């Protein structure tokens, strides 16, 4: 619907505009109302339009490689979203939806050109918002790249898996070996001293039964712990692969910029040569100076 010039006065970015400037801008932009949870745009939609929140709240999200929804930004009253794609004329890289019932100004590139022509300081405000969103994206990438595999596995492990780790950790320690050896020695010594009154005389059949039961239970528990360790190693390898892939992408980006810079320097050299060819060689110094 059409935008009332007075509605622009409530937006911090446009509050400094005078009445005539607000009227010109109001004739260009359009007010859009979105219900709670209504999608404003999705990833891949054409980025021809951007939005300024007049009232309510909007959430920008992406879906990572783990198929989890990650919140990139949550602009509030007077803040922008979707401007990077609109200015660059590329598809949107995020999903945007209204957290609650919201009212947004829908603007296009031409509207921004008119605004900056009338109010140059508005351009700095938009660049500030875009810079904050860029830093939020950088922080998101840094946090995703710095995930600790141990933390990721601990979030998903069950009580049984924790018990299996503890059993394997204790069963593979000198404490277990010494304690178990002492118990067996005391057990056999008592039965030998008791002689005919022993409850488990030589060859200690009851003790062998207990040892067999412990071994039968301990083996699969230790295997469970080993399987978890294999899973942890696999996750660590996957995270290392993600980090290496990001590093490779960064190196390729730097190499591309260096190549572009080399091409630009080559263009400058060509222009200088053409200029020198048109103007001719520099004049020779006077004869007096040559002598």
Foldseek 3Di string as FASTA:
>chain_A
DQADLVLLCQQVLSVPPDSVLSVVLSVAKHKDKAAAFAWPDAFQAWLFKWKFWSAAKKWKWDQDPVRDIDTLDIDHHNAIPSVVCQVVRGTDHTIMHTNHTTMIIIHGPVSVVSVCVRPVVSVVVNVVRVVVSVVSVVVVVVVLLPDQLVVVVVVVDDPLLVVLQVLLVLVPDPVNVVVVVVVVVVLQVVQVVVPPPRPQHPVRPVVVVVVVVCVVVNVVSPVSNVVVVVVSVVVVVVSVVVNVVVVVVVVVVVVVVVVVVVVVVVVVVVVVVVVCVVVDDDDDDDPVVVD
